[in-house]
Every structure is written in C-alpha cells, then in structure tokens.
Amino acid sequence: MMTAASTPKGERRRAALIEAASELLLEGGFDAVRHRAVAERAGLPLASTTYYFDSLEDLISAAMEHSGRVELDRGRAALAGLGTEHRDADALIELVLDQLLGEEAGLEVLLLRYERFVTTGRRPYLRPLMRTMQAEFQELLTEIFTRSGFPIDQKRLQQLIALVDGAVVNALIEVDPDPRAAARAMLRDALR
C-alpha cells in the first residue's frame, strides 16, 4: 500500500522540509530548527513536519545528513577536477582549508559550523551519523593529499584536522579573529 509520504508529492514535501531545516540549521544552529520555522520556510502546513518525521530529532538528523552530503558532494566535485600533479604545500593547504572550513566562510558561518560540532556531543542520536560522515570526509581529504603528492595515513590526517580545529577555536576569541589565517599558519608549520 502506498502512503502519502511515499508518493512523488510526499517525497517532494519531505525533501522541502529537509532543505528548509538544513538552511535553518546552517543559519542559526540547532535552536533555529523548530517545527513551525521549518514548515514556514518550506511553505508547508505546520502539521507536515510531524506527518513526515516522527520527531524533531528525526528532522534534525535528516537536515544534518543533507547538509553533510551537500558538503561532501562539493568536496567530491573539487576532487574530480583535481589533477594528480604535485602541488606545493601552500596550494594543498588552501584545498584542505576549503574542505575543513568552507571556501568563503565568514566568521558567523564558521562559528555556527563549530557550534554544530560541539552541540552534536549533547545529542547522542546524531553521533552515529556524524561518525559516518566524518569517515567519508576523511577519505575525501586523504585522496586530496594523495593526488597532491602528499600521501598521508589516517592517524596523521586526524592530527592535522585536530590542529586546524584547535587553531580555529583559539582564533575565534581574538579581538579581530581570522581563523582561516590561524589554521593556515598551523598547517604550514605542520607540513614542513
């Protein structure tokens, strides 16, 4: 038996709700994702959020997966256009930072990105999804390093990611923060 949620119209509505929740998550963090806000953003009745999702947690999970997949797709597209020529460390660093921080992320976008990571720790239902996404993301970064002439093992990659994360978080408290520059400097030193 076909339910309304499995019809083409139902799938479009569900996708619109996920897209709306993802946008709200990226713009305002977890607190911005509420049934009413998502329904309004999607242009759908409030009841649609509870019809297509069992709970707000389910909707947030779908939004997190959607935004993660969009980032991974963007990274894979960049990788597809990447040749296998040797790059200097500075070119590699910019490629890596584009993946870790976003290509043109402003300070507010970066703050919200790191808030999502930290807040996920308080939302155990998101941990399995985040571990899966993290593994895929690390595979992407490993391939970027390899194609750039800098083969890297998983332990070293995790160290470099932690180094970037630490540099970004520390830079966020500066008077005139430039997290990307701080992360760039740390990576440059680490890749020497």
Protein backbone atom coordinates (compact mmCIF):
# COMPACT_ATOMS: atom_id res chain seq x y z
CA MET A 1 0.00 0.00 0.00
CA MET A 2 1.33 3.43 -0.95
CA THR A 3 1.22 6.07 1.76
CA ALA A 4 1.07 9.79 1.11
CA ALA A 5 4.70 10.07 2.25
CA SER A 6 5.85 7.68 -0.48
CA THR A 7 4.09 9.42 -3.36
CA PRO A 8 6.05 11.82 -5.58
CA LYS A 9 4.24 14.75 -3.93
CA GLY A 10 5.04 13.33 -0.49
CA GLU A 11 8.70 12.89 -1.39
CA ARG A 12 8.86 16.48 -2.67
CA ARG A 13 7.29 17.77 0.55
CA ARG A 14 9.65 15.70 2.71
CA ALA A 15 12.63 16.96 0.69
CA ALA A 16 11.40 20.57 1.04
CA LEU A 17 11.19 20.15 4.82
CA ILE A 18 14.70 18.68 4.97
CA GLU A 19 16.07 21.50 2.82
CA ALA A 20 14.33 24.10 4.99
CA ALA A 21 15.60 22.50 8.21
CA SER A 22 19.11 22.32 6.75
CA GLU A 23 19.04 26.02 5.84
CA LEU A 24 17.83 26.95 9.32
CA LEU A 25 20.50 24.75 10.89
CA LEU A 26 23.23 26.45 8.86
CA GLU A 27 21.85 29.94 9.56
CA GLY A 28 21.02 29.67 13.24
CA GLY A 29 22.19 26.37 14.68
CA PHE A 30 20.09 23.72 16.37
CA ASP A 31 17.91 26.24 18.20
CA ALA A 32 16.66 27.59 14.88
CA VAL A 33 15.23 24.21 13.82
CA ARG A 34 11.69 24.16 15.17
CA HIS A 35 8.58 22.62 13.62
CA ARG A 36 6.93 25.96 12.93
CA ALA A 37 10.08 27.59 11.49
CA VAL A 38 10.76 24.63 9.22
CA ALA A 39 7.18 24.48 7.95
CA GLU A 40 7.14 28.24 7.29
CA ARG A 41 10.49 28.11 5.47
CA ALA A 42 9.28 25.18 3.35
CA GLY A 43 5.93 26.88 2.66
CA LEU A 44 4.04 23.88 4.06
CA PRO A 45 1.46 23.43 6.83
CA LEU A 46 2.82 23.03 10.34
CA ALA A 47 1.35 19.51 10.58
CA SER A 48 3.55 18.35 7.69
CA THR A 49 6.64 18.33 9.92
CA THR A 50 5.10 15.76 12.24
CA TYR A 51 3.48 13.85 9.38
CA TYR A 52 6.78 13.25 7.55
CA PHE A 53 9.04 12.99 10.63
CA ASP A 54 8.41 11.07 13.83
CA SER A 55 10.14 13.70 15.94
CA LEU A 56 12.16 16.88 15.82
CA GLU A 57 15.23 14.68 16.32
CA ASP A 58 14.41 12.80 13.10
CA LEU A 59 14.04 16.08 11.23
CA ILE A 60 17.32 17.42 12.64
CA SER A 61 19.08 14.16 11.72
CA ALA A 62 17.80 14.40 8.16
CA ALA A 63 18.89 18.05 7.97
CA MET A 64 22.36 17.23 9.31
CA GLU A 65 22.75 14.40 6.82
CA HIS A 66 21.54 16.62 3.98
CA SER A 67 23.95 19.44 4.79
CA GLY A 68 26.80 16.96 5.26
CA ARG A 69 26.04 15.34 1.89
CA VAL A 70 25.99 18.75 0.21
CA GLU A 71 29.45 19.50 1.67
CA LEU A 72 30.76 16.07 0.65
CA ASP A 73 29.35 16.47 -2.87
CA ARG A 74 31.05 19.87 -3.13
CA GLY A 75 34.32 18.31 -1.95
CA ARG A 76 34.00 15.39 -4.37
CA ALA A 77 33.36 17.80 -7.24
CA ALA A 78 36.53 19.70 -6.32
CA LEU A 79 38.40 16.39 -6.13
CA ALA A 80 37.10 15.33 -9.54
CA GLY A 81 38.58 18.48 -11.05
CA LEU A 82 41.89 17.95 -9.28
CA GLY A 83 44.73 16.56 -11.33
CA THR A 84 47.45 14.35 -9.90
CA GLU A 85 50.25 16.87 -10.30
CA HIS A 86 52.41 17.65 -7.33
CA ARG A 87 51.28 20.79 -5.51
CA ASP A 88 53.30 22.92 -3.22
CA ALA A 89 52.30 22.94 0.43
CA ASP A 90 50.52 26.31 0.18
CA ALA A 91 48.22 25.10 -2.62
CA LEU A 92 47.47 21.92 -0.68
CA ILE A 93 46.75 23.89 2.49
CA GLU A 94 44.17 26.02 0.67
CA LEU A 95 42.47 22.90 -0.73
CA VAL A 96 42.35 21.34 2.73
CA LEU A 97 41.06 24.52 4.38
CA ASP A 98 38.36 24.82 1.72
CA GLN A 99 37.16 21.39 2.81
CA LEU A 100 37.51 21.90 6.56
CA LEU A 101 36.25 25.47 6.84
CA GLY A 102 34.37 26.15 3.62
CA GLU A 103 35.67 28.09 0.67
CA GLU A 104 34.40 31.52 1.64
CA ALA A 105 33.01 31.04 5.10
CA GLY A 106 32.54 34.24 7.03
CA LEU A 107 33.07 34.38 10.75
CA GLU A 108 29.39 33.76 11.62
CA VAL A 109 29.18 30.75 9.29
CA LEU A 110 32.34 29.33 10.84
CA LEU A 111 31.02 29.89 14.37
CA LEU A 112 27.80 28.06 13.53
CA ARG A 113 29.77 25.22 11.93
CA TYR A 114 31.81 24.67 15.08
CA GLU A 115 28.75 25.08 17.29
CA ARG A 116 27.11 22.22 15.36
CA PHE A 117 30.13 20.01 16.01
CA VAL A 118 30.23 20.80 19.71
CA THR A 119 26.46 20.59 20.20
CA THR A 120 26.38 17.20 18.50
CA GLY A 121 28.14 15.90 21.60
CA ARG A 122 24.99 16.74 23.56
CA ARG A 123 22.78 15.00 21.03
CA PRO A 124 23.69 11.30 21.18
CA TYR A 125 21.20 10.45 18.41
CA LEU A 126 23.45 12.36 15.96
CA ARG A 127 26.71 10.61 16.86
CA PRO A 128 26.35 7.58 14.52
CA LEU A 129 25.53 9.86 11.60
CA MET A 130 28.42 12.21 12.40
CA ARG A 131 30.87 9.29 12.65
CA THR A 132 29.76 8.03 9.23
CA MET A 133 30.03 11.49 7.69
CA GLN A 134 33.42 12.03 9.34
CA ALA A 135 34.77 8.78 7.87
CA GLU A 136 33.63 9.76 4.37
CA PHE A 137 35.07 13.23 4.80
CA GLN A 138 38.42 11.83 5.93
CA GLU A 139 38.50 9.57 2.84
CA LEU A 140 37.99 12.68 0.70
CA LEU A 141 40.80 14.55 2.46
CA THR A 142 43.12 11.54 2.19
CA GLU A 143 42.54 11.49 -1.57
CA ILE A 144 43.21 15.25 -1.83
CA PHE A 145 46.55 14.77 -0.03
CA THR A 146 47.43 11.76 -2.21
CA ARG A 147 46.59 13.48 -5.50
CA SER A 148 48.62 16.47 -4.40
CA GLY A 149 51.75 14.39 -3.89
CA PHE A 150 51.49 14.28 -0.08
CA PRO A 151 50.37 10.74 0.83
CA ILE A 152 49.07 10.65 4.41
CA ASP A 153 47.92 7.98 6.82
CA GLN A 154 44.74 8.22 8.87
CA LYS A 155 46.49 8.99 12.17
CA ARG A 156 48.42 11.92 10.65
CA LEU A 157 45.28 13.21 8.93
CA GLN A 158 43.37 13.16 12.22
CA GLN A 159 46.22 15.06 13.86
CA LEU A 160 46.11 17.74 11.16
CA ILE A 161 42.33 18.07 11.44
CA ALA A 162 42.65 18.44 15.22
CA LEU A 163 45.36 21.05 14.69
CA VAL A 164 43.08 23.07 12.38
CA ASP A 165 40.15 22.73 14.79
CA GLY A 166 42.29 23.96 17.69
CA ALA A 167 43.67 26.87 15.69
CA VAL A 168 40.16 27.91 14.61
CA VAL A 169 38.68 27.72 18.11
CA ASN A 170 41.59 29.68 19.59
CA ALA A 171 41.37 32.31 16.84
CA LEU A 172 37.66 32.84 17.49
CA ILE A 173 38.39 34.61 20.78
CA GLU A 174 40.82 37.13 19.27
CA VAL A 175 39.89 40.81 19.04
CA ASP A 176 39.98 40.68 15.23
CA PRO A 177 39.64 36.96 14.52
CA ASP A 178 40.97 35.41 11.32
CA PRO A 179 40.50 31.68 11.92
CA ARG A 180 41.50 30.69 8.40
CA ALA A 181 44.82 32.53 8.69
CA ALA A 182 45.49 30.87 12.07
CA ALA A 183 44.68 27.44 10.64
CA ARG A 184 46.80 28.14 7.56
CA ALA A 185 49.81 29.05 9.71
CA MET A 186 49.43 25.91 11.83
CA LEU A 187 49.12 23.65 8.79
CA ARG A 188 52.08 25.31 7.09
CA ASP A 189 54.27 24.57 10.13
CA ALA A 190 52.93 21.01 10.42
CA LEU A 191 53.54 20.18 6.76
CA ARG A 192 57.15 21.36 6.69
